[in-house]
PDB file of all heavy atoms in Angstrom:
ATOM      1  N   ARG A   1       0.827  -1.196   0.000  1.00  0.00           N
ATOM      2  CA  ARG A   1       0.000   0.000   0.000  1.00  0.00           C
ATOM      3  C   ARG A   1       0.866   1.253   0.000  1.00  0.00           C
ATOM      4  O   ARG A   1       1.983   1.246   0.535  1.00  0.00           O
ATOM      5  CB  ARG A   1      -0.940   0.021   1.206  1.00  0.00           C
ATOM      6  CG  ARG A   1      -0.265   0.022   2.558  1.00  0.00           C
ATOM      7  CD  ARG A   1      -1.285  -0.201   3.684  1.00  0.00           C
ATOM      8  NE  ARG A   1      -2.106   0.983   3.922  1.00  0.00           N
ATOM      9  CZ  ARG A   1      -3.203   0.981   4.691  1.00  0.00           C
ATOM     10  NH1 ARG A   1      -3.611  -0.145   5.248  1.00  0.00           N
ATOM     11  NH2 ARG A   1      -3.881   2.100   4.877  1.00  0.00           N
ATOM     12  N   ASP A   2       0.328   2.313  -0.611  1.00  0.00           N
ATOM     13  CA  ASP A   2       0.970   3.623  -0.612  1.00  0.00           C
ATOM     14  C   ASP A   2      -0.025   4.582   0.017  1.00  0.00           C
ATOM     15  O   ASP A   2      -0.989   5.016  -0.636  1.00  0.00           O
ATOM     16  CB  ASP A   2       1.312   4.042  -2.047  1.00  0.00           C
ATOM     17  CG  ASP A   2       2.092   5.346  -2.099  1.00  0.00           C
ATOM     18  OD1 ASP A   2       1.951   6.180  -1.182  1.00  0.00           O
ATOM     19  OD2 ASP A   2       2.828   5.546  -3.076  1.00  0.00           O
ATOM     20  N   ASN A   3       0.166   4.899   1.282  1.00  0.00           N
ATOM     21  CA  ASN A   3      -0.802   5.727   2.005  1.00  0.00           C
ATOM     22  C   ASN A   3      -0.874   7.151   1.448  1.00  0.00           C
ATOM     23  O   ASN A   3      -1.939   7.769   1.472  1.00  0.00           O
ATOM     24  CB  ASN A   3      -0.449   5.762   3.485  1.00  0.00           C
ATOM     25  CG  ASN A   3      -0.623   4.408   4.146  1.00  0.00           C
ATOM     26  OD1 ASN A   3      -1.503   3.634   3.782  1.00  0.00           O
ATOM     27  ND2 ASN A   3       0.240   4.111   5.104  1.00  0.00           N
ATOM     28  N   ALA A   4       0.224   7.647   0.927  1.00  0.00           N
ATOM     29  CA  ALA A   4       0.231   9.007   0.371  1.00  0.00           C
ATOM     30  C   ALA A   4      -0.643   9.103  -0.875  1.00  0.00           C
ATOM     31  O   ALA A   4      -1.177  10.173  -1.187  1.00  0.00           O
ATOM     32  CB  ALA A   4       1.652   9.427   0.045  1.00  0.00           C
ATOM     33  N   LYS A   5      -0.789   7.983  -1.568  1.00  0.00           N
ATOM     34  CA  LYS A   5      -1.594   7.949  -2.793  1.00  0.00           C
ATOM     35  C   LYS A   5      -2.940   7.268  -2.580  1.00  0.00           C
ATOM     36  O   LYS A   5      -3.691   7.094  -3.544  1.00  0.00           O
ATOM     37  CB  LYS A   5      -0.820   7.225  -3.897  1.00  0.00           C
ATOM     38  CG  LYS A   5       0.460   7.922  -4.328  1.00  0.00           C
ATOM     39  CD  LYS A   5       1.148   7.155  -5.455  1.00  0.00           C
ATOM     40  CE  LYS A   5       2.406   7.870  -5.905  1.00  0.00           C
ATOM     41  NZ  LYS A   5       3.102   7.131  -7.006  1.00  0.00           N
ATOM     42  N   ASN A   6      -3.232   6.859  -1.341  1.00  0.00           N
ATOM     43  CA  ASN A   6      -4.486   6.132  -1.055  1.00  0.00           C
ATOM     44  C   ASN A   6      -4.667   4.967  -2.019  1.00  0.00           C
ATOM     45  O   ASN A   6      -5.762   4.764  -2.581  1.00  0.00           O
ATOM     46  CB  ASN A   6      -5.688   7.087  -1.129  1.00  0.00           C
ATOM     47  CG  ASN A   6      -5.667   8.136  -0.044  1.00  0.00           C
ATOM     48  OD1 ASN A   6      -5.177   7.897   1.049  1.00  0.00           O
ATOM     49  ND2 ASN A   6      -6.185   9.317  -0.350  1.00  0.00           N
ATOM     50  N   THR A   7      -3.611   4.215  -2.213  1.00  0.00           N
ATOM     51  CA  THR A   7      -3.595   3.160  -3.229  1.00  0.00           C
ATOM     52  C   THR A   7      -3.095   1.849  -2.626  1.00  0.00           C
ATOM     53  O   THR A   7      -2.177   1.849  -1.798  1.00  0.00           O
ATOM     54  CB  THR A   7      -2.704   3.566  -4.409  1.00  0.00           C
ATOM     55  OG1 THR A   7      -3.233   4.760  -5.003  1.00  0.00           O
ATOM     56  CG2 THR A   7      -2.661   2.467  -5.468  1.00  0.00           C
ATOM     57  N   VAL A   8      -3.707   0.766  -3.074  1.00  0.00           N
ATOM     58  CA  VAL A   8      -3.257  -0.570  -2.701  1.00  0.00           C
ATOM     59  C   VAL A   8      -2.935  -1.340  -3.974  1.00  0.00           C
ATOM     60  O   VAL A   8      -3.587  -1.139  -5.002  1.00  0.00           O
ATOM     61  CB  VAL A   8      -4.320  -1.309  -1.850  1.00  0.00           C
ATOM     62  CG1 VAL A   8      -5.609  -1.511  -2.627  1.00  0.00           C
ATOM     63  CG2 VAL A   8      -3.789  -2.627  -1.322  1.00  0.00           C
ATOM     64  N   TYR A   9      -1.918  -2.185  -3.888  1.00  0.00           N
ATOM     65  CA  TYR A   9      -1.465  -2.966  -5.033  1.00  0.00           C
ATOM     66  C   TYR A   9      -1.527  -4.452  -4.712  1.00  0.00           C
ATOM     67  O   TYR A   9      -1.423  -4.863  -3.557  1.00  0.00           O
ATOM     68  CB  TYR A   9      -0.016  -2.602  -5.388  1.00  0.00           C
ATOM     69  CG  TYR A   9       0.207  -1.128  -5.624  1.00  0.00           C
ATOM     70  CD1 TYR A   9       0.685  -0.307  -4.601  1.00  0.00           C
ATOM     71  CD2 TYR A   9      -0.051  -0.547  -6.858  1.00  0.00           C
ATOM     72  CE1 TYR A   9       0.889   1.053  -4.793  1.00  0.00           C
ATOM     73  CE2 TYR A   9       0.156   0.809  -7.064  1.00  0.00           C
ATOM     74  CZ  TYR A   9       0.618   1.597  -6.028  1.00  0.00           C
ATOM     75  OH  TYR A   9       0.817   2.946  -6.229  1.00  0.00           O
ATOM     76  N   LEU A  10      -1.654  -5.249  -5.766  1.00  0.00           N
ATOM     77  CA  LEU A  10      -1.555  -6.692  -5.625  1.00  0.00           C
ATOM     78  C   LEU A  10      -0.685  -7.204  -6.767  1.00  0.00           C
ATOM     79  O   LEU A  10      -1.122  -7.211  -7.926  1.00  0.00           O
ATOM     80  CB  LEU A  10      -2.930  -7.360  -5.652  1.00  0.00           C
ATOM     81  CG  LEU A  10      -2.923  -8.861  -5.360  1.00  0.00           C
ATOM     82  CD1 LEU A  10      -2.518  -9.112  -3.900  1.00  0.00           C
ATOM     83  CD2 LEU A  10      -4.284  -9.487  -5.634  1.00  0.00           C
ATOM     84  N   GLN A  11       0.528  -7.590  -6.434  1.00  0.00           N
ATOM     85  CA  GLN A  11       1.429  -8.213  -7.416  1.00  0.00           C
ATOM     86  C   GLN A  11       1.146  -9.703  -7.434  1.00  0.00           C
ATOM     87  O   GLN A  11       1.256 -10.373  -6.398  1.00  0.00           O
ATOM     88  CB  GLN A  11       2.881  -7.946  -7.028  1.00  0.00           C
ATOM     89  CG  GLN A  11       3.895  -8.607  -7.940  1.00  0.00           C
ATOM     90  CD  GLN A  11       3.887  -8.038  -9.345  1.00  0.00           C
ATOM     91  OE1 GLN A  11       3.769  -6.827  -9.530  1.00  0.00           O
ATOM     92  NE2 GLN A  11       3.999  -8.903 -10.340  1.00  0.00           N
ATOM     93  N   MET A  12       0.772 -10.208  -8.601  1.00  0.00           N
ATOM     94  CA  MET A  12       0.403 -11.613  -8.738  1.00  0.00           C
ATOM     95  C   MET A  12       1.383 -12.296  -9.663  1.00  0.00           C
ATOM     96  O   MET A  12       1.458 -11.952 -10.854  1.00  0.00           O
ATOM     97  CB  MET A  12      -1.026 -11.735  -9.274  1.00  0.00           C
ATOM     98  CG  MET A  12      -2.058 -10.978  -8.446  1.00  0.00           C
ATOM     99  SD  MET A  12      -3.750 -11.277  -8.984  1.00  0.00           S
ATOM    100  CE  MET A  12      -3.718 -10.474 -10.596  1.00  0.00           C
ATOM    101  N   ASP A  13       2.139 -13.224  -9.136  1.00  0.00           N
ATOM    102  CA  ASP A  13       3.122 -13.985  -9.911  1.00  0.00           C
ATOM    103  C   ASP A  13       2.729 -15.457  -9.952  1.00  0.00           C
ATOM    104  O   ASP A  13       1.901 -15.910  -9.154  1.00  0.00           O
ATOM    105  CB  ASP A  13       4.511 -13.829  -9.286  1.00  0.00           C
ATOM    106  CG  ASP A  13       4.992 -12.385  -9.254  1.00  0.00           C
ATOM    107  OD1 ASP A  13       4.785 -11.679 -10.265  1.00  0.00           O
ATOM    108  OD2 ASP A  13       5.557 -11.966  -8.231  1.00  0.00           O
ATOM    109  N   SER A  14       3.341 -16.186 -10.866  1.00  0.00           N
ATOM    110  CA  SER A  14       3.070 -17.627 -11.007  1.00  0.00           C
ATOM    111  C   SER A  14       1.570 -17.897 -11.055  1.00  0.00           C
ATOM    112  O   SER A  14       1.057 -18.793 -10.363  1.00  0.00           O
ATOM    113  CB  SER A  14       3.708 -18.401  -9.848  1.00  0.00           C
ATOM    114  OG  SER A  14       5.096 -18.171  -9.778  1.00  0.00           O
ATOM    115  N   LEU A  15       0.897 -17.146 -11.876  1.00  0.00           N
ATOM    116  CA  LEU A  15      -0.562 -17.269 -11.940  1.00  0.00           C
ATOM    117  C   LEU A  15      -0.987 -18.632 -12.464  1.00  0.00           C
ATOM    118  O   LEU A  15      -0.332 -19.227 -13.333  1.00  0.00           O
ATOM    119  CB  LEU A  15      -1.136 -16.152 -12.804  1.00  0.00           C
ATOM    120  CG  LEU A  15      -1.209 -14.788 -12.098  1.00  0.00           C
ATOM    121  CD1 LEU A  15      -1.339 -13.649 -13.097  1.00  0.00           C
ATOM    122  CD2 LEU A  15      -2.387 -14.764 -11.127  1.00  0.00           C
ATOM    123  N   GLU A  16      -2.105 -19.088 -11.916  1.00  0.00           N
ATOM    124  CA  GLU A  16      -2.670 -20.392 -12.280  1.00  0.00           C
ATOM    125  C   GLU A  16      -4.095 -20.182 -12.796  1.00  0.00           C
ATOM    126  O   GLU A  16      -4.722 -19.147 -12.504  1.00  0.00           O
ATOM    127  CB  GLU A  16      -2.690 -21.290 -11.034  1.00  0.00           C
ATOM    128  CG  GLU A  16      -1.337 -21.464 -10.378  1.00  0.00           C
ATOM    129  CD  GLU A  16      -1.436 -22.115  -9.001  1.00  0.00           C
ATOM    130  OE1 GLU A  16      -2.562 -22.303  -8.498  1.00  0.00           O
ATOM    131  OE2 GLU A  16      -0.365 -22.433  -8.431  1.00  0.00           O
ATOM    132  N   SER A  17      -4.583 -21.165 -13.516  1.00  0.00           N
ATOM    133  CA  SER A  17      -5.944 -21.048 -14.060  1.00  0.00           C
ATOM    134  C   SER A  17      -6.970 -20.854 -12.942  1.00  0.00           C
ATOM    135  O   SER A  17      -7.990 -20.182 -13.138  1.00  0.00           O
ATOM    136  CB  SER A  17      -6.291 -22.275 -14.885  1.00  0.00           C
ATOM    137  OG  SER A  17      -6.186 -23.451 -14.103  1.00  0.00           O
ATOM    138  N   GLU A  18      -6.671 -21.407 -11.764  1.00  0.00           N
ATOM    139  CA  GLU A  18      -7.599 -21.278 -10.629  1.00  0.00           C
ATOM    140  C   GLU A  18      -7.673 -19.851 -10.091  1.00  0.00           C
ATOM    141  O   GLU A  18      -8.543 -19.533  -9.279  1.00  0.00           O
ATOM    142  CB  GLU A  18      -7.178 -22.217  -9.499  1.00  0.00           C
ATOM    143  CG  GLU A  18      -7.373 -23.702  -9.788  1.00  0.00           C
ATOM    144  CD  GLU A  18      -6.286 -24.279 -10.696  1.00  0.00           C
ATOM    145  OE1 GLU A  18      -5.245 -23.589 -10.913  1.00  0.00           O
ATOM    146  OE2 GLU A  18      -6.469 -25.396 -11.201  1.00  0.00           O
ATOM    147  N   ASP A  19      -6.756 -18.991 -10.533  1.00  0.00           N
ATOM    148  CA  ASP A  19      -6.786 -17.587 -10.113  1.00  0.00           C
ATOM    149  C   ASP A  19      -7.752 -16.757 -10.958  1.00  0.00           C
ATOM    150  O   ASP A  19      -7.965 -15.573 -10.668  1.00  0.00           O
ATOM    151  CB  ASP A  19      -5.387 -16.976 -10.201  1.00  0.00           C
ATOM    152  CG  ASP A  19      -4.398 -17.634  -9.254  1.00  0.00           C
ATOM    153  OD1 ASP A  19      -4.763 -17.880  -8.087  1.00  0.00           O
ATOM    154  OD2 ASP A  19      -3.259 -17.907  -9.694  1.00  0.00           O
ATOM    155  N   THR A  20      -8.305 -17.352 -11.998  1.00  0.00           N
ATOM    156  CA  THR A  20      -9.252 -16.637 -12.844  1.00  0.00           C
ATOM    157  C   THR A  20     -10.481 -16.222 -12.045  1.00  0.00           C
ATOM    158  O   THR A  20     -11.129 -17.055 -11.402  1.00  0.00           O
ATOM    159  CB  THR A  20      -9.685 -17.509 -14.033  1.00  0.00           C
ATOM    160  OG1 THR A  20      -8.542 -17.752 -14.864  1.00  0.00           O
ATOM    161  CG2 THR A  20     -10.772 -16.834 -14.846  1.00  0.00           C
ATOM    162  N   ALA A  21     -10.768 -14.929 -12.049  1.00  0.00           N
ATOM    163  CA  ALA A  21     -11.888 -14.396 -11.267  1.00  0.00           C
ATOM    164  C   ALA A  21     -12.007 -12.898 -11.518  1.00  0.00           C
ATOM    165  O   ALA A  21     -11.134 -12.293 -12.162  1.00  0.00           O
ATOM    166  CB  ALA A  21     -11.665 -14.641  -9.780  1.00  0.00           C
ATOM    167  N   ILE A  22     -13.078 -12.335 -10.991  1.00  0.00           N
ATOM    168  CA  ILE A  22     -13.163 -10.881 -10.903  1.00  0.00           C
ATOM    169  C   ILE A  22     -12.548 -10.489  -9.557  1.00  0.00           C
ATOM    170  O   ILE A  22     -12.930 -11.037  -8.514  1.00  0.00           O
ATOM    171  CB  ILE A  22     -14.616 -10.386 -10.990  1.00  0.00           C
ATOM    172  CG1 ILE A  22     -15.223 -10.784 -12.336  1.00  0.00           C
ATOM    173  CG2 ILE A  22     -14.668  -8.864 -10.830  1.00  0.00           C
ATOM    174  CD1 ILE A  22     -16.694 -10.461 -12.464  1.00  0.00           C
ATOM    175  N   TYR A  23     -11.620  -9.575  -9.606  1.00  0.00           N
ATOM    176  CA  TYR A  23     -10.926  -9.130  -8.399  1.00  0.00           C
ATOM    177  C   TYR A  23     -11.495  -7.781  -7.959  1.00  0.00           C
ATOM    178  O   TYR A  23     -11.582  -6.845  -8.757  1.00  0.00           O
ATOM    179  CB  TYR A  23      -9.431  -9.027  -8.655  1.00  0.00           C
ATOM    180  CG  TYR A  23      -8.758 -10.384  -8.666  1.00  0.00           C
ATOM    181  CD1 TYR A  23      -8.989 -11.278  -9.711  1.00  0.00           C
ATOM    182  CD2 TYR A  23      -7.914 -10.777  -7.641  1.00  0.00           C
ATOM    183  CE1 TYR A  23      -8.401 -12.538  -9.715  1.00  0.00           C
ATOM    184  CE2 TYR A  23      -7.312 -12.028  -7.632  1.00  0.00           C
ATOM    185  CZ  TYR A  23      -7.567 -12.900  -8.673  1.00  0.00           C
ATOM    186  OH  TYR A  23      -6.976 -14.154  -8.671  1.00  0.00           O
ATOM    187  N   TYR A  24     -11.842  -7.705  -6.681  1.00  0.00           N
ATOM    188  CA  TYR A  24     -12.428  -6.499  -6.106  1.00  0.00           C
ATOM    189  C   TYR A  24     -11.508  -5.922  -5.044  1.00  0.00           C
ATOM    190  O   TYR A  24     -10.986  -6.646  -4.200  1.00  0.00           O
ATOM    191  CB  TYR A  24     -13.777  -6.808  -5.467  1.00  0.00           C
ATOM    192  CG  TYR A  24     -14.826  -7.326  -6.415  1.00  0.00           C
ATOM    193  CD1 TYR A  24     -14.975  -8.690  -6.643  1.00  0.00           C
ATOM    194  CD2 TYR A  24     -15.680  -6.452  -7.078  1.00  0.00           C
ATOM    195  CE1 TYR A  24     -15.937  -9.179  -7.502  1.00  0.00           C
ATOM    196  CE2 TYR A  24     -16.659  -6.923  -7.945  1.00  0.00           C
ATOM    197  CZ  TYR A  24     -16.771  -8.295  -8.150  1.00  0.00           C
ATOM    198  OH  TYR A  24     -17.735  -8.762  -9.019  1.00  0.00           O
ATOM    199  N   CYS A  25     -11.387  -4.634  -5.064  1.00  0.00           N
ATOM    200  CA  CYS A  25     -10.658  -3.919  -4.033  1.00  0.00           C
ATOM    201  C   CYS A  25     -11.649  -3.466  -2.960  1.00  0.00           C
ATOM    202  O   CYS A  25     -12.791  -3.110  -3.276  1.00  0.00           O
ATOM    203  CB  CYS A  25      -9.975  -2.711  -4.671  1.00  0.00           C
ATOM    204  SG  CYS A  25      -9.309  -1.506  -3.527  1.00  0.00           S
ATOM    205  N   SER A  26     -11.206  -3.460  -1.713  1.00  0.00           N
ATOM    206  CA  SER A  26     -12.041  -2.973  -0.618  1.00  0.00           C
ATOM    207  C   SER A  26     -11.173  -2.227   0.383  1.00  0.00           C
ATOM    208  O   SER A  26     -10.044  -2.639   0.661  1.00  0.00           O
ATOM    209  CB  SER A  26     -12.739  -4.140   0.093  1.00  0.00           C
ATOM    210  OG  SER A  26     -13.529  -3.667   1.168  1.00  0.00           O
ATOM    211  N   MET A  27     -11.691  -1.128   0.887  1.00  0.00           N
ATOM    212  CA  MET A  27     -10.967  -0.350   1.888  1.00  0.00           C
ATOM    213  C   MET A  27     -11.914   0.034   3.019  1.00  0.00           C
ATOM    214  O   MET A  27     -13.091   0.350   2.754  1.00  0.00           O
ATOM    215  CB  MET A  27     -10.386   0.921   1.271  1.00  0.00           C
ATOM    216  CG  MET A  27      -9.377   0.678   0.181  1.00  0.00           C
ATOM    217  SD  MET A  27      -8.611   2.244  -0.343  1.00  0.00           S
ATOM    218  CE  MET A  27      -7.631   1.703  -1.749  1.00  0.00           C
ATOM    219  N   ASN A  28     -11.402   0.056   4.229  1.00  0.00           N
ATOM    220  CA  ASN A  28     -12.174   0.497   5.388  1.00  0.00           C
ATOM    221  C   ASN A  28     -11.857   1.957   5.646  1.00  0.00           C
ATOM    222  O   ASN A  28     -10.767   2.316   6.081  1.00  0.00           O
ATOM    223  CB  ASN A  28     -11.825  -0.345   6.612  1.00  0.00           C
ATOM    224  CG  ASN A  28     -12.289  -1.770   6.463  1.00  0.00           C
ATOM    225  OD1 ASN A  28     -13.108  -2.084   5.615  1.00  0.00           O
ATOM    226  ND2 ASN A  28     -11.761  -2.651   7.287  1.00  0.00           N
ATOM    227  N   ILE A  29     -12.869   2.833   5.328  1.00  0.00           N
ATOM    228  CA  ILE A  29     -12.621   4.270   5.371  1.00  0.00           C
ATOM    229  C   ILE A  29     -13.665   5.005   6.209  1.00  0.00           C
ATOM    230  O   ILE A  29     -14.285   5.966   5.710  1.00  0.00           O
ATOM    231  CB  ILE A  29     -12.563   4.844   3.941  1.00  0.00           C
ATOM    232  CG1 ILE A  29     -11.775   3.933   2.982  1.00  0.00           C
ATOM    233  CG2 ILE A  29     -11.960   6.223   3.966  1.00  0.00           C
ATOM    234  CD1 ILE A  29     -11.739   4.428   1.560  1.00  0.00           C
ATOM    235  N   PRO A  30     -13.959   4.739   7.477  1.00  0.00           N
ATOM    236  CA  PRO A  30     -13.633   3.482   8.123  1.00  0.00           C
ATOM    237  C   PRO A  30     -14.578   2.338   7.759  1.00  0.00           C
ATOM    238  O   PRO A  30     -14.212   1.178   7.915  1.00  0.00           O
ATOM    239  CB  PRO A  30     -13.767   3.842   9.604  1.00  0.00           C
ATOM    240  CG  PRO A  30     -14.839   4.876   9.625  1.00  0.00           C
ATOM    241  CD  PRO A  30     -14.651   5.678   8.352  1.00  0.00           C
ATOM    242  N   SER A  31     -15.780   2.645   7.247  1.00  0.00           N
ATOM    243  CA  SER A  31     -16.644   1.542   6.824  1.00  0.00           C
ATOM    244  C   SER A  31     -16.175   1.040   5.463  1.00  0.00           C
ATOM    245  O   SER A  31     -15.439   1.725   4.746  1.00  0.00           O
ATOM    246  CB  SER A  31     -18.094   1.998   6.746  1.00  0.00           C
ATOM    247  OG  SER A  31     -18.212   3.109   5.897  1.00  0.00           O
TER     248      SER A  31
END
């Protein structure tokens, strides 16, 4: 995460077919 940019990252390596999906980001701000 980069708090100055209010941004979160997910580096995904060695991807497999089972990783196929819709990926959703969620943040508690605070809800």
